[in-house]
């Protein structure tokens, strides 16, 4: 049975937003489905920072569904946006892709070797697959399809009729110079980092259109000659909808009837609020780059009224980082995506990272050793949920992580500690039979019957070891004893090894070996192996560290390695005895 987080018993951020969303929906559109929205631009790999654009409304939508309401979660694929730059680090892409800058993303060729028809579809596919694995239900909307089929024709014509009103609103906020332009007196320089942060969100350039000699127009055609958006509207007639434009790129010019013309789009700061009104969006978050004065969300709150709509409830969400990496940017290459994260962690853990933090709290996703600590924390929470001791807010986050209103996500039947599975995967290096043997000996009273019992967690841990742990940190067990080191040991050190070897038979399990390796230095110092830290002098910890380092050197030739109990099980009794001189 799925764990259900009752909103009346929790004070988590998701429940609070669900309360607001339901109230707003009943006021604005009684009897209709609740609409929440996300916007993603497939301009390159859609990274884990962009995932917050989806997970925030998903979690709220799912809570609203749990309460019995019909919900639509829209994801607008901003695939009719212009291709702005050639992202770095994309396989199958070279400098020749620069010739497509200015064209719609759906008119740019996919990377070489891709099975998808264009650039946008190539990058949408990976995100769609990851969202399915994460249990995210959504209605996808291609903005290319919407514009080129004339769905927004009435809205475009309406915006053109009211271009003076739109221009007056935008003019109140035109306080920044454009990228690469020297600020005029009183203007603020544009923050290039802000533009980088916006990538993937569907609003990278914060475009509000421009005024030429014919005045301001909130619509930009794609050129009929070169297909790019390097165009300027030079004339427009409201009565006939006759529009003339010229292209600064290729010199092409033409006159069209906007009431029939479908090769262009509203500029971003007008396009977004138009969609709020058209779709009846109640809830849509935005990144910090859109929430400053004069940015698209703030300005859109005034423009949406021109289209007869209301601004959605729109919490600001903070950046998501990666352990050991700087702030994410799609154009810089090597940015982890949701698909990358799901190769090394289960969907439940990734959902939990987004569910447990309020949208305005930044957090990091671990691709380094920190992932082991995160999994330990997750498993402790699962144990508290199981025994009923979890706090309401933690229980709510857990419930939102393990499943949705539709039911629980598939899970690992026997979720052994991630760090243990990673150590086993490290030591066995793909030997499945050896992995099963070691895992079966962790708990002899409940031996593992097959590797499937610890999947998919084992596979995620193995992938982490193989792709994220540097080669010089991998564990290689010695082929032969270190005769020189063994010969140099004093009597006390040899005694410690003898105590360990004598106890192997009776302690050959994960818990037993843990007790044994920590107990040897205690016994040598005249204490019981069961003595607690409070009963022991501080120097015992020093003796334990010295003992552990000695074992690591004798077994793997380093000061550190996987947890010793796991390592000993992996090496096997016979080989342990050989390497330790027994």
Protein backbone atom coordinates (compact mmCIF):
# COMPACT_ATOMS: atom_id res chain seq x y z
CA UNK A 1 0.00 0.00 0.00
CA UNK A 2 1.35 3.47 -0.81
CA UNK A 3 2.24 5.67 2.12
CA UNK A 4 -0.11 8.64 2.10
CA UNK A 5 0.94 11.94 3.64
CA UNK A 6 -2.23 13.50 5.05
CA UNK A 7 -2.07 17.25 4.56
CA UNK A 8 -3.92 17.89 7.81
CA UNK A 9 -1.10 16.24 9.73
CA UNK A 10 1.85 17.83 7.98
CA UNK A 11 3.27 21.27 7.57
CA UNK A 12 5.52 20.53 4.60
CA UNK A 13 5.85 23.04 1.78
CA UNK A 14 4.02 20.85 -0.73
CA UNK A 15 0.86 20.71 1.36
CA UNK A 16 0.86 24.46 1.90
CA UNK A 17 1.11 25.15 -1.84
CA UNK A 18 -1.56 22.54 -2.55
CA UNK A 19 -3.92 24.41 -0.20
CA UNK A 20 -3.28 27.66 -2.11
CA UNK A 21 -3.60 26.03 -5.50
CA UNK A 22 -6.92 24.36 -4.74
CA UNK A 23 -8.35 27.59 -3.33
CA UNK A 24 -7.16 29.59 -6.36
CA UNK A 25 -8.44 27.02 -8.83
CA UNK A 26 -11.90 26.93 -7.22
CA UNK A 27 -12.02 30.72 -7.41
CA UNK A 28 -10.68 31.14 -10.95
CA UNK A 29 -11.97 28.04 -12.74
CA UNK A 30 -14.55 26.16 -10.66
CA UNK A 31 -15.32 22.68 -11.92
CA UNK A 32 -12.29 22.54 -14.20
CA UNK A 33 -9.06 20.55 -13.77
CA UNK A 34 -6.35 22.24 -11.75
CA UNK A 35 -3.57 23.35 -14.11
CA UNK A 36 0.07 23.49 -13.07
CA UNK A 37 2.87 24.15 -15.52
CA UNK A 38 6.56 23.83 -16.27
CA UNK A 39 8.60 25.15 -19.17
CA UNK A 40 11.72 23.51 -20.58
CA UNK A 41 13.88 24.55 -23.50
CA UNK A 42 15.61 21.58 -25.21
CA UNK A 43 18.52 23.81 -26.25
CA UNK A 44 20.98 21.21 -24.98
CA UNK A 45 21.12 18.60 -22.20
CA UNK A 46 18.32 19.36 -19.72
CA UNK A 47 20.20 19.28 -16.44
CA UNK A 48 19.38 18.60 -12.80
CA UNK A 49 18.85 22.29 -12.12
CA UNK A 50 16.13 22.37 -14.78
CA UNK A 51 14.55 19.31 -13.14
CA UNK A 52 13.44 21.55 -10.28
CA UNK A 53 11.26 23.39 -12.81
CA UNK A 54 9.38 20.10 -13.20
CA UNK A 55 9.60 18.50 -9.76
CA UNK A 56 8.20 21.52 -7.89
CA UNK A 57 4.85 21.58 -9.75
CA UNK A 58 4.83 17.78 -10.00
CA UNK A 59 4.93 17.37 -6.23
CA UNK A 60 2.21 19.97 -5.75
CA UNK A 61 0.07 18.44 -8.52
CA UNK A 62 0.47 15.00 -6.98
CA UNK A 63 -0.67 16.25 -3.58
CA UNK A 64 -3.72 17.85 -5.21
CA UNK A 65 -4.47 14.49 -6.91
CA UNK A 66 -4.13 12.68 -3.58
CA UNK A 67 -6.92 14.91 -2.34
CA UNK A 68 -9.21 13.77 -5.13
CA UNK A 69 -8.93 16.66 -7.60
CA UNK A 70 -8.32 16.32 -11.33
CA UNK A 71 -5.00 17.88 -12.32
CA UNK A 72 -3.16 18.67 -15.54
CA UNK A 73 0.61 19.14 -15.30
CA UNK A 74 1.66 20.87 -18.51
CA UNK A 75 5.24 20.83 -19.70
CA UNK A 76 5.71 23.40 -22.43
CA UNK A 77 8.62 22.33 -24.57
CA UNK A 78 10.01 25.65 -25.75
CA UNK A 79 11.26 24.03 -28.93
CA UNK A 80 10.32 27.05 -31.04
CA UNK A 81 12.91 29.15 -29.22
CA UNK A 82 15.91 30.32 -31.21
CA UNK A 83 19.09 28.26 -31.22
CA UNK A 84 21.37 30.63 -29.29
CA UNK A 85 24.77 28.97 -29.21
CA UNK A 86 26.52 25.67 -29.81
CA UNK A 87 26.75 23.92 -26.42
CA UNK A 88 30.15 22.59 -25.42
CA UNK A 89 30.87 18.93 -24.90
CA UNK A 90 28.07 17.41 -27.00
CA UNK A 91 29.06 14.23 -28.84
CA UNK A 92 28.41 14.47 -32.57
CA UNK A 93 28.37 18.28 -32.61
CA UNK A 94 31.07 20.50 -34.08
CA UNK A 95 31.56 24.14 -35.02
CA UNK A 96 29.44 23.74 -38.17
CA UNK A 97 26.32 23.82 -35.97
CA UNK A 98 26.97 27.55 -35.52
CA UNK A 99 25.41 28.16 -38.93
CA UNK A 100 22.03 27.29 -37.38
CA UNK A 101 22.15 29.98 -34.68
CA UNK A 102 18.93 31.99 -34.88
CA UNK A 103 16.75 29.15 -36.20
CA UNK A 104 14.07 27.39 -34.16
CA UNK A 105 15.41 24.44 -32.14
CA UNK A 106 13.18 22.12 -34.18
CA UNK A 107 14.90 23.33 -37.38
CA UNK A 108 18.41 22.49 -36.15
CA UNK A 109 19.84 19.05 -37.05
CA UNK A 110 20.23 16.58 -34.22
CA UNK A 111 23.79 15.62 -33.19
CA UNK A 112 25.47 13.19 -35.59
CA UNK A 113 24.39 9.61 -34.94
CA UNK A 114 21.11 10.58 -33.28
CA UNK A 115 17.94 8.72 -34.24
CA UNK A 116 15.83 11.83 -33.67
CA UNK A 117 14.68 14.20 -36.44
CA UNK A 118 16.03 17.42 -34.94
CA UNK A 119 17.94 19.04 -32.10
CA UNK A 120 14.92 19.62 -29.86
CA UNK A 121 13.57 16.08 -30.14
CA UNK A 122 17.00 14.65 -29.37
CA UNK A 123 17.23 16.42 -26.02
CA UNK A 124 13.54 16.10 -25.17
CA UNK A 125 13.79 12.31 -25.44
CA UNK A 126 16.29 11.84 -22.62
CA UNK A 127 14.29 14.08 -20.29
CA UNK A 128 11.01 12.35 -21.13
CA UNK A 129 12.50 8.94 -20.33
CA UNK A 130 13.91 10.21 -17.02
CA UNK A 131 10.56 11.73 -16.02
CA UNK A 132 8.83 8.41 -16.71
CA UNK A 133 11.31 6.65 -14.42
CA UNK A 134 10.66 9.30 -11.76
CA UNK A 135 6.90 8.75 -11.94
CA UNK A 136 6.15 12.24 -13.30
CA UNK A 137 2.88 12.37 -15.26
CA UNK A 138 2.53 15.33 -17.61
CA UNK A 139 0.93 16.65 -20.77
CA UNK A 140 3.66 17.76 -23.16
CA UNK A 141 3.05 20.76 -25.40
CA UNK A 142 5.37 21.54 -28.32
CA UNK A 143 5.50 25.27 -28.85
CA UNK A 144 6.62 24.62 -32.44
CA UNK A 145 3.38 22.72 -33.01
CA UNK A 146 1.32 25.38 -31.24
CA UNK A 147 2.68 28.29 -33.25
CA UNK A 148 3.07 26.65 -36.66
CA UNK A 149 -0.46 25.19 -36.59
CA UNK A 150 -1.99 28.56 -35.74
CA UNK A 151 -3.24 27.59 -32.27
CA UNK A 152 -2.11 30.95 -30.88
CA UNK A 153 -3.23 33.05 -33.87
CA UNK A 154 -5.90 34.96 -31.95
CA UNK A 155 -3.47 35.60 -29.11
CA UNK A 156 -0.80 36.87 -31.52
CA UNK A 157 -3.24 39.24 -33.22
CA UNK A 158 -4.49 40.40 -29.81
CA UNK A 159 -0.92 41.13 -28.68
CA UNK A 160 -0.24 43.12 -31.84
CA UNK A 161 -3.41 45.18 -31.36
CA UNK A 162 -2.35 45.93 -27.78
CA UNK A 163 1.35 46.43 -28.53
CA UNK A 164 1.24 49.96 -27.18
CA UNK A 165 -0.08 48.75 -23.81
CA UNK A 166 2.52 45.98 -23.71
CA UNK A 167 5.32 48.38 -24.61
CA UNK A 168 4.24 50.78 -21.86
CA UNK A 169 4.43 48.00 -19.26
CA UNK A 170 7.81 46.78 -20.49
CA UNK A 171 9.21 50.29 -20.63
CA UNK A 172 8.79 50.64 -16.87
CA UNK A 173 11.33 47.85 -16.43
CA UNK A 174 13.84 48.53 -19.17
CA UNK A 175 16.66 49.29 -16.75
CA UNK A 176 19.32 46.94 -18.05
CA UNK A 177 21.66 47.18 -20.97
CA UNK A 178 21.60 44.27 -23.39
CA UNK A 179 24.39 41.64 -23.35
CA UNK A 180 27.57 43.07 -24.83
CA UNK A 181 26.14 46.62 -24.83
CA UNK A 182 27.63 49.42 -22.77
CA UNK A 183 25.08 50.54 -20.14
CA UNK A 184 23.54 53.96 -20.62
CA UNK A 185 23.32 56.34 -17.71
CA UNK A 186 20.97 54.88 -15.11
CA UNK A 187 21.02 51.39 -16.64
CA UNK A 188 22.29 48.30 -14.86
CA UNK A 189 24.76 46.06 -16.71
CA UNK A 190 23.25 42.71 -17.67
CA UNK A 191 24.30 39.78 -15.51
CA UNK A 192 25.74 37.20 -17.89
CA UNK A 193 25.59 34.58 -15.13
CA UNK A 194 21.86 35.23 -14.91
CA UNK A 195 21.52 34.40 -18.61
CA UNK A 196 23.54 31.23 -18.16
CA UNK A 197 21.34 30.19 -15.24
CA UNK A 198 18.21 30.62 -17.33
CA UNK A 199 19.28 28.13 -19.97
CA UNK A 200 16.94 25.18 -20.22
CA UNK A 201 14.07 27.05 -18.61
CA UNK A 202 12.57 28.44 -21.78
CA UNK A 203 13.50 32.04 -21.03
CA UNK A 204 17.20 32.30 -21.57
CA UNK A 205 17.34 35.70 -23.21
CA UNK A 206 14.54 37.41 -21.24
CA UNK A 207 13.49 38.85 -24.62
CA UNK A 208 10.88 41.61 -24.69
CA UNK A 209 11.14 42.58 -28.34
CA UNK A 210 12.50 45.78 -29.77
CA UNK A 211 11.27 48.97 -31.33
CA UNK A 212 12.32 49.94 -34.83
CA UNK A 213 11.38 52.93 -36.94
CA UNK A 214 7.84 51.55 -37.24
CA UNK A 215 7.44 51.26 -33.46
CA UNK A 216 7.37 48.39 -30.98
CA UNK A 217 6.16 44.91 -31.96
CA UNK A 218 5.89 41.93 -29.56
CA UNK A 219 6.12 39.45 -32.44
CA UNK A 220 9.18 38.19 -34.29
CA UNK A 221 8.93 36.28 -37.57
CA UNK A 222 11.38 33.59 -38.58
CA UNK A 223 12.83 34.60 -41.96
CA UNK A 224 11.39 32.99 -45.09
CA UNK A 225 14.83 33.14 -46.67
CA UNK A 226 17.32 31.85 -44.11
CA UNK A 227 14.92 30.58 -41.45
CA UNK A 228 16.49 32.71 -38.72
CA UNK A 229 14.99 35.27 -36.35
CA UNK A 230 17.30 38.12 -37.40
CA UNK A 231 14.20 39.98 -38.54
CA UNK A 232 12.66 43.37 -37.91
CA UNK A 233 9.01 44.19 -38.45
CA UNK A 234 8.93 47.35 -40.58
CA UNK A 235 5.17 47.78 -41.01
CA UNK A 236 1.93 46.39 -39.68
CA UNK A 237 -1.72 47.16 -40.37
CA UNK A 238 -4.15 46.25 -37.57
CA UNK A 239 -7.17 46.15 -39.88
CA UNK A 240 -5.77 43.94 -42.62
CA UNK A 241 -3.08 42.22 -40.43
CA UNK A 242 -0.62 42.93 -43.26
CA UNK A 243 2.90 42.65 -41.84
CA UNK A 244 6.20 43.46 -43.53
CA UNK A 245 9.58 42.40 -42.21
CA UNK A 246 13.19 42.42 -43.33
CA UNK A 247 16.02 40.10 -42.33
CA UNK A 248 19.36 41.53 -41.25
CA UNK A 249 20.97 38.15 -41.83
CA UNK A 250 20.24 37.45 -45.48
CA UNK A 251 18.48 40.62 -46.65
CA UNK A 252 15.22 38.82 -47.40
CA UNK A 253 12.00 40.81 -47.07
CA UNK A 254 8.36 39.93 -47.51
CA UNK A 255 4.84 41.09 -46.70
CA UNK A 256 2.41 38.56 -45.20
CA UNK A 257 -1.01 38.46 -43.61
CA UNK A 258 -0.46 37.74 -39.93
CA UNK A 259 -3.97 36.28 -39.78
CA UNK A 260 -2.63 33.46 -41.99
CA UNK A 261 1.11 33.49 -41.24
CA UNK A 262 2.42 30.86 -38.80
CA UNK A 263 6.22 31.19 -38.99
CA UNK A 264 7.02 33.31 -35.96
CA UNK A 265 6.32 33.73 -32.27
CA UNK A 266 5.66 36.26 -29.54
CA UNK A 267 8.74 37.47 -27.73
CA UNK A 268 9.39 35.70 -24.45
CA UNK A 269 8.11 38.29 -21.97
CA UNK A 270 4.81 38.35 -23.83
CA UNK A 271 4.69 34.70 -24.81
CA UNK A 272 4.85 33.41 -21.22
CA UNK A 273 1.93 35.44 -19.76
CA UNK A 274 -0.07 34.74 -22.93
CA UNK A 275 0.26 31.03 -22.18
CA UNK A 276 -0.76 31.52 -18.54
CA UNK A 277 -4.02 33.01 -19.75
CA UNK A 278 -4.53 30.56 -22.64
CA UNK A 279 -3.97 27.45 -20.50
CA UNK A 280 -5.48 28.79 -17.27
CA UNK A 281 -2.31 28.06 -15.30
CA UNK A 282 -2.78 28.19 -11.52
CA UNK A 283 0.74 27.24 -10.40
CA UNK A 284 4.10 27.62 -12.12
CA UNK A 285 7.42 28.16 -10.35
CA UNK A 286 10.31 30.18 -11.74
CA UNK A 287 14.04 30.30 -11.10
CA UNK A 288 15.77 33.10 -9.27
CA UNK A 289 16.78 34.55 -12.64
CA UNK A 290 13.11 35.23 -13.44
CA UNK A 291 12.10 36.63 -10.08
CA UNK A 292 14.13 39.82 -9.85
CA UNK A 293 12.51 43.21 -10.55
CA UNK A 294 11.92 43.60 -14.27
CA UNK A 295 12.37 39.92 -15.04
CA UNK A 296 9.89 37.84 -17.00
CA UNK A 297 7.78 36.53 -14.12
CA UNK A 298 7.42 39.95 -12.53
CA UNK A 299 6.59 41.74 -15.78
CA UNK A 300 4.36 38.90 -16.90
CA UNK A 301 2.18 39.52 -13.87
CA UNK A 302 1.11 42.80 -15.49
CA UNK A 303 1.01 41.66 -19.09
CA UNK A 304 -1.18 38.62 -18.35
CA UNK A 305 -4.12 40.94 -17.70
CA UNK A 306 -4.00 42.10 -21.32
CA UNK A 307 -4.85 38.51 -22.28
CA UNK A 308 -7.63 38.28 -19.68
CA UNK A 309 -5.75 36.03 -17.30
CA UNK A 310 -4.16 36.05 -13.84
CA UNK A 311 -0.58 35.45 -12.82
CA UNK A 312 -0.07 31.93 -11.43
CA UNK A 313 1.07 31.20 -7.91
CA UNK A 314 4.76 31.22 -8.68
CA UNK A 315 7.31 30.37 -6.02
CA UNK A 316 10.91 31.16 -6.77
CA UNK A 317 13.18 28.13 -6.77
CA UNK A 318 16.87 28.19 -5.94
CA UNK A 319 19.78 26.61 -7.76
CA UNK A 320 20.66 22.93 -7.59
CA UNK A 321 24.34 22.12 -7.47
CA UNK A 322 26.48 19.02 -7.81
CA UNK A 323 28.99 17.95 -5.17
CA UNK A 324 32.39 19.04 -6.43
CA UNK A 325 31.04 21.05 -9.37
CA UNK A 326 30.33 24.72 -9.95
CA UNK A 327 26.88 26.09 -10.80
CA UNK A 328 25.32 24.22 -13.70
CA UNK A 329 25.09 25.65 -17.20
CA UNK A 330 23.95 23.73 -20.28
CA UNK A 331 26.32 25.59 -22.59
CA UNK A 332 29.50 24.67 -20.71
CA UNK A 333 29.30 20.93 -21.24
CA UNK A 334 29.59 17.99 -18.88
CA UNK A 335 26.52 19.01 -16.88
CA UNK A 336 24.79 16.06 -15.18
CA UNK A 337 21.24 15.37 -16.31
CA UNK A 338 18.42 13.49 -14.56
CA UNK A 339 19.34 10.48 -16.70
CA UNK A 340 22.91 10.67 -15.37
CA UNK A 341 21.67 10.80 -11.78
CA UNK A 342 19.32 7.86 -12.30
CA UNK A 343 22.26 5.72 -13.42
CA UNK A 344 23.78 5.95 -9.93
CA UNK A 345 20.74 6.39 -7.66
CA UNK A 346 17.22 5.05 -7.43
CA UNK A 347 14.33 7.32 -8.45
CA UNK A 348 13.10 7.46 -4.84
CA UNK A 349 16.33 9.07 -3.62
CA UNK A 350 16.35 11.65 -6.41
CA UNK A 351 12.68 12.53 -5.75
CA UNK A 352 13.44 12.86 -2.03
CA UNK A 353 16.21 15.38 -2.64
CA UNK A 354 13.69 17.69 -4.33
CA UNK A 355 10.78 16.93 -1.98
CA UNK A 356 12.54 17.55 1.33
CA UNK A 357 13.77 21.08 0.56
CA UNK A 358 11.54 24.11 0.09
CA UNK A 359 11.83 25.52 -3.43
CA UNK A 360 13.77 28.58 -2.24
CA UNK A 361 16.40 26.39 -0.55
CA UNK A 362 19.39 25.43 -2.67
CA UNK A 363 20.86 21.96 -2.34
CA UNK A 364 23.43 19.69 -3.96
CA UNK A 365 23.13 16.31 -5.62
CA UNK A 366 26.03 14.01 -4.87
CA UNK A 367 28.02 12.28 -7.57
CA UNK A 368 31.01 11.87 -5.25
CA UNK A 369 31.49 9.98 -1.96
CA UNK A 370 28.70 12.07 -0.43
CA UNK A 371 26.17 9.81 -2.16
CA UNK A 372 26.96 7.12 0.40
CA UNK A 373 26.07 9.44 3.28
CA UNK A 374 22.86 10.50 1.53
CA UNK A 375 21.84 6.88 1.15
CA UNK A 376 22.61 6.23 4.84
CA UNK A 377 20.36 9.17 5.71
CA UNK A 378 17.63 7.87 3.40
CA UNK A 379 17.78 4.38 4.90
CA UNK A 380 17.58 5.77 8.44
CA UNK A 381 14.47 7.71 7.45
CA UNK A 382 12.95 4.56 5.94
CA UNK A 383 13.56 2.74 9.24
CA UNK A 384 11.86 5.54 11.18
CA UNK A 385 8.89 5.43 8.82
CA UNK A 386 8.70 1.68 9.35
CA UNK A 387 8.71 1.90 13.15
CA UNK A 388 6.43 4.94 13.29
CA UNK A 389 8.97 7.38 14.73
CA UNK A 390 9.35 9.67 11.68
CA UNK A 391 8.37 13.31 12.17
CA UNK A 392 5.34 14.48 10.14
CA UNK A 393 7.37 16.62 7.73
CA UNK A 394 9.90 13.84 7.15
CA UNK A 395 7.11 11.32 6.67
CA UNK A 396 5.50 13.58 4.06
CA UNK A 397 8.77 13.96 2.14
CA UNK A 398 9.31 10.20 2.29
CA UNK A 399 5.80 9.50 1.01
CA UNK A 400 6.29 11.89 -1.89
CA UNK A 401 9.61 10.21 -2.71
CA UNK A 402 8.53 6.56 -2.74
CA UNK A 403 5.39 7.02 -4.82
CA UNK A 404 2.68 9.16 -6.31
CA UNK A 405 -1.10 9.25 -6.14
CA UNK A 406 -1.03 6.42 -8.69
CA UNK A 407 0.96 4.12 -6.39
CA UNK A 408 4.46 3.29 -5.24
CA UNK A 409 7.44 3.36 -7.58
CA UNK A 410 9.25 0.03 -8.12
CA UNK A 411 11.79 -0.48 -5.37
CA UNK A 412 14.69 -2.74 -4.39
CA UNK A 413 13.24 -5.76 -2.52
CA UNK A 414 16.15 -5.96 -0.09
CA UNK A 415 17.75 -2.50 0.18
CA UNK A 416 21.17 -3.29 1.64
CA UNK A 417 23.33 -0.24 2.47
CA UNK A 418 24.52 1.53 -0.68
CA UNK A 419 28.06 1.84 0.67
CA UNK A 420 28.17 -1.93 1.24
CA UNK A 421 26.92 -2.66 -2.27
CA UNK A 422 29.40 -0.15 -3.70
CA UNK A 423 32.26 -1.85 -1.84
CA UNK A 424 31.20 -5.27 -3.10
CA UNK A 425 30.90 -3.97 -6.66
CA UNK A 426 34.32 -2.36 -6.32
CA UNK A 427 36.04 -5.49 -5.07
CA UNK A 428 34.33 -8.00 -7.37
CA UNK A 429 34.78 -5.91 -10.56
CA UNK A 430 31.86 -7.44 -12.42
CA UNK A 431 32.13 -11.01 -11.07
CA UNK A 432 28.46 -11.72 -10.33
CA UNK A 433 29.05 -15.08 -8.63
CA UNK A 434 31.59 -13.51 -6.31
CA UNK A 435 29.18 -10.66 -5.54
CA UNK A 436 26.41 -13.10 -4.62
CA UNK A 437 28.81 -15.05 -2.39
CA UNK A 438 29.87 -11.95 -0.47
CA UNK A 439 26.36 -10.57 -0.12
CA UNK A 440 25.10 -13.96 1.07
CA UNK A 441 27.65 -13.93 3.87
CA UNK A 442 26.65 -10.49 5.15
CA UNK A 443 23.83 -12.03 7.17
CA UNK A 444 24.17 -15.84 7.32
CA UNK A 445 20.79 -16.13 9.08
CA UNK A 446 19.10 -14.58 6.02
CA UNK A 447 21.37 -15.37 3.06
CA UNK A 448 20.85 -13.68 -0.28
CA UNK A 449 19.33 -16.06 -2.82
CA UNK A 450 19.99 -14.01 -5.95
CA UNK A 451 21.36 -10.66 -7.03
CA UNK A 452 17.87 -9.57 -8.12
CA UNK A 453 16.99 -9.16 -4.43
CA UNK A 454 19.32 -6.14 -4.21
CA UNK A 455 18.49 -4.68 -7.61
CA UNK A 456 18.25 -2.01 -8.88
CA UNK A 457 20.22 -0.54 -5.97
CA UNK A 458 23.19 -2.85 -6.59
CA UNK A 459 23.30 -1.83 -10.26
CA UNK A 460 23.23 1.86 -9.31
CA UNK A 461 26.08 1.36 -6.82
CA UNK A 462 28.10 -0.59 -9.39
CA UNK A 463 27.58 2.17 -11.97
CA UNK A 464 28.75 4.75 -9.44
CA UNK A 465 31.90 2.77 -8.74
CA UNK A 466 32.63 2.28 -12.43
CA UNK A 467 31.96 5.84 -13.59
CA UNK A 468 32.42 8.22 -10.67
CA UNK A 469 35.27 6.75 -8.58
CA UNK A 470 38.76 7.53 -9.95
CA UNK A 471 40.87 4.53 -10.90
CA UNK A 472 43.46 5.32 -8.23
CA UNK A 473 40.73 5.05 -5.59
CA UNK A 474 39.48 1.64 -6.72
CA UNK A 475 40.22 -1.33 -4.49
CA UNK A 476 42.71 -3.95 -5.69
CA UNK A 477 43.39 -6.79 -3.24
CA UNK A 478 47.02 -7.89 -3.01
CA UNK A 479 47.90 -10.98 -5.01
CA UNK A 480 50.69 -11.94 -2.57
CA UNK A 481 51.40 -11.18 1.11
CA UNK A 482 53.52 -8.12 1.86
CA UNK A 483 56.42 -10.11 3.30
CA UNK A 484 58.47 -7.01 4.09
CA UNK A 485 55.69 -5.39 6.12
CA UNK A 486 54.82 -8.63 7.89
CA UNK A 487 58.47 -9.14 8.81
CA UNK A 488 58.76 -5.64 10.27
CA UNK A 489 55.85 -5.97 12.71
CA UNK A 490 56.58 -5.93 16.43
CA UNK A 491 55.09 -8.41 18.87
CA UNK A 492 52.07 -6.21 19.70
CA UNK A 493 51.17 -5.85 16.02
CA UNK A 494 51.56 -9.60 15.40
CA UNK A 495 49.33 -10.30 18.39
CA UNK A 496 46.60 -8.07 17.01
CA UNK A 497 46.64 -10.02 13.74
CA UNK A 498 46.52 -13.32 15.61
CA UNK A 499 43.47 -12.16 17.63
CA UNK A 500 41.72 -11.21 14.40
CA UNK A 501 42.53 -14.48 12.61
CA UNK A 502 41.49 -16.57 15.63
CA UNK A 503 38.09 -14.89 15.62
CA UNK A 504 37.26 -15.19 11.93
CA UNK A 505 35.40 -18.52 12.12
CA UNK A 506 33.06 -17.37 14.88
CA UNK A 507 32.48 -13.86 13.48
CA UNK A 508 32.10 -14.47 9.74
CA UNK A 509 29.21 -12.08 9.03
CA UNK A 510 28.95 -8.34 8.56
CA UNK A 511 27.90 -7.68 12.15
CA UNK A 512 30.30 -10.28 13.53
CA UNK A 513 33.32 -8.91 11.71
CA UNK A 514 32.37 -5.36 12.72
CA UNK A 515 32.41 -6.47 16.36
CA UNK A 516 35.69 -8.31 15.82
CA UNK A 517 37.75 -5.61 14.11
CA UNK A 518 36.68 -2.95 16.60
CA UNK A 519 37.13 -5.37 19.49
CA UNK A 520 40.73 -6.48 18.88
CA UNK A 521 42.35 -3.20 20.08
CA UNK A 522 40.01 -3.19 23.11
CA UNK A 523 41.02 -6.72 24.12
CA UNK A 524 44.70 -5.95 23.62
CA UNK A 525 44.34 -3.00 26.00
CA UNK A 526 42.73 -5.21 28.65
CA UNK A 527 39.08 -4.29 28.05
CA UNK A 528 36.12 -6.37 26.98
CA UNK A 529 35.38 -6.47 23.26
CA UNK A 530 31.86 -5.33 24.20
CA UNK A 531 33.04 -2.23 26.05
CA UNK A 532 31.29 0.95 24.91
CA UNK A 533 33.15 4.16 23.96
CA UNK A 534 32.11 5.72 27.29
CA UNK A 535 33.92 2.93 29.11
CA UNK A 536 37.14 3.33 27.15
CA UNK A 537 40.02 5.82 27.32
CA UNK A 538 40.60 8.07 24.26
CA UNK A 539 43.76 6.22 23.26
CA UNK A 540 41.68 3.19 22.24
CA UNK A 541 40.43 5.15 19.22
CA UNK A 542 44.03 5.82 18.24
CA UNK A 543 44.85 2.13 18.59
CA UNK A 544 41.84 1.22 16.42
CA UNK A 545 42.89 3.61 13.67
CA UNK A 546 46.44 2.22 13.74
CA UNK A 547 45.11 -1.35 13.58
CA UNK A 548 42.77 -0.54 10.70
CA UNK A 549 45.54 1.17 8.68
CA UNK A 550 47.77 -1.89 9.18
CA UNK A 551 45.04 -4.21 7.89
CA UNK A 552 44.41 -2.03 4.85
CA UNK A 553 48.12 -2.01 3.98
CA UNK A 554 48.33 -5.78 4.28
CA UNK A 555 45.15 -6.38 2.26
CA UNK A 556 45.06 -3.64 -0.39
CA UNK A 557 48.34 -1.71 -0.03
CA UNK A 558 46.74 1.57 1.05
CA UNK A 559 45.89 3.44 4.25
CA UNK A 560 42.16 3.26 3.58
CA UNK A 561 39.58 1.32 1.59
CA UNK A 562 36.07 -0.10 1.83
CA UNK A 563 34.73 -0.75 5.33
CA UNK A 564 36.91 -3.50 6.79
CA UNK A 565 34.09 -5.98 7.57
CA UNK A 566 32.90 -5.78 3.95
CA UNK A 567 36.47 -6.01 2.66
CA UNK A 568 37.21 -9.08 4.76
CA UNK A 569 34.07 -10.83 3.51
CA UNK A 570 34.97 -9.94 -0.05
CA UNK A 571 38.53 -11.24 0.21
CA UNK A 572 37.36 -14.50 1.81
CA UNK A 573 38.71 -16.33 4.87
CA UNK A 574 41.39 -18.33 3.13
CA UNK A 575 42.91 -15.38 1.34
CA UNK A 576 42.63 -13.16 4.43
CA UNK A 577 44.64 -15.71 6.38
CA UNK A 578 47.28 -15.84 3.62
CA UNK A 579 47.65 -12.06 3.33
CA UNK A 580 47.77 -11.56 7.11
CA UNK A 581 50.46 -14.17 7.58
CA UNK A 582 48.19 -16.77 9.19
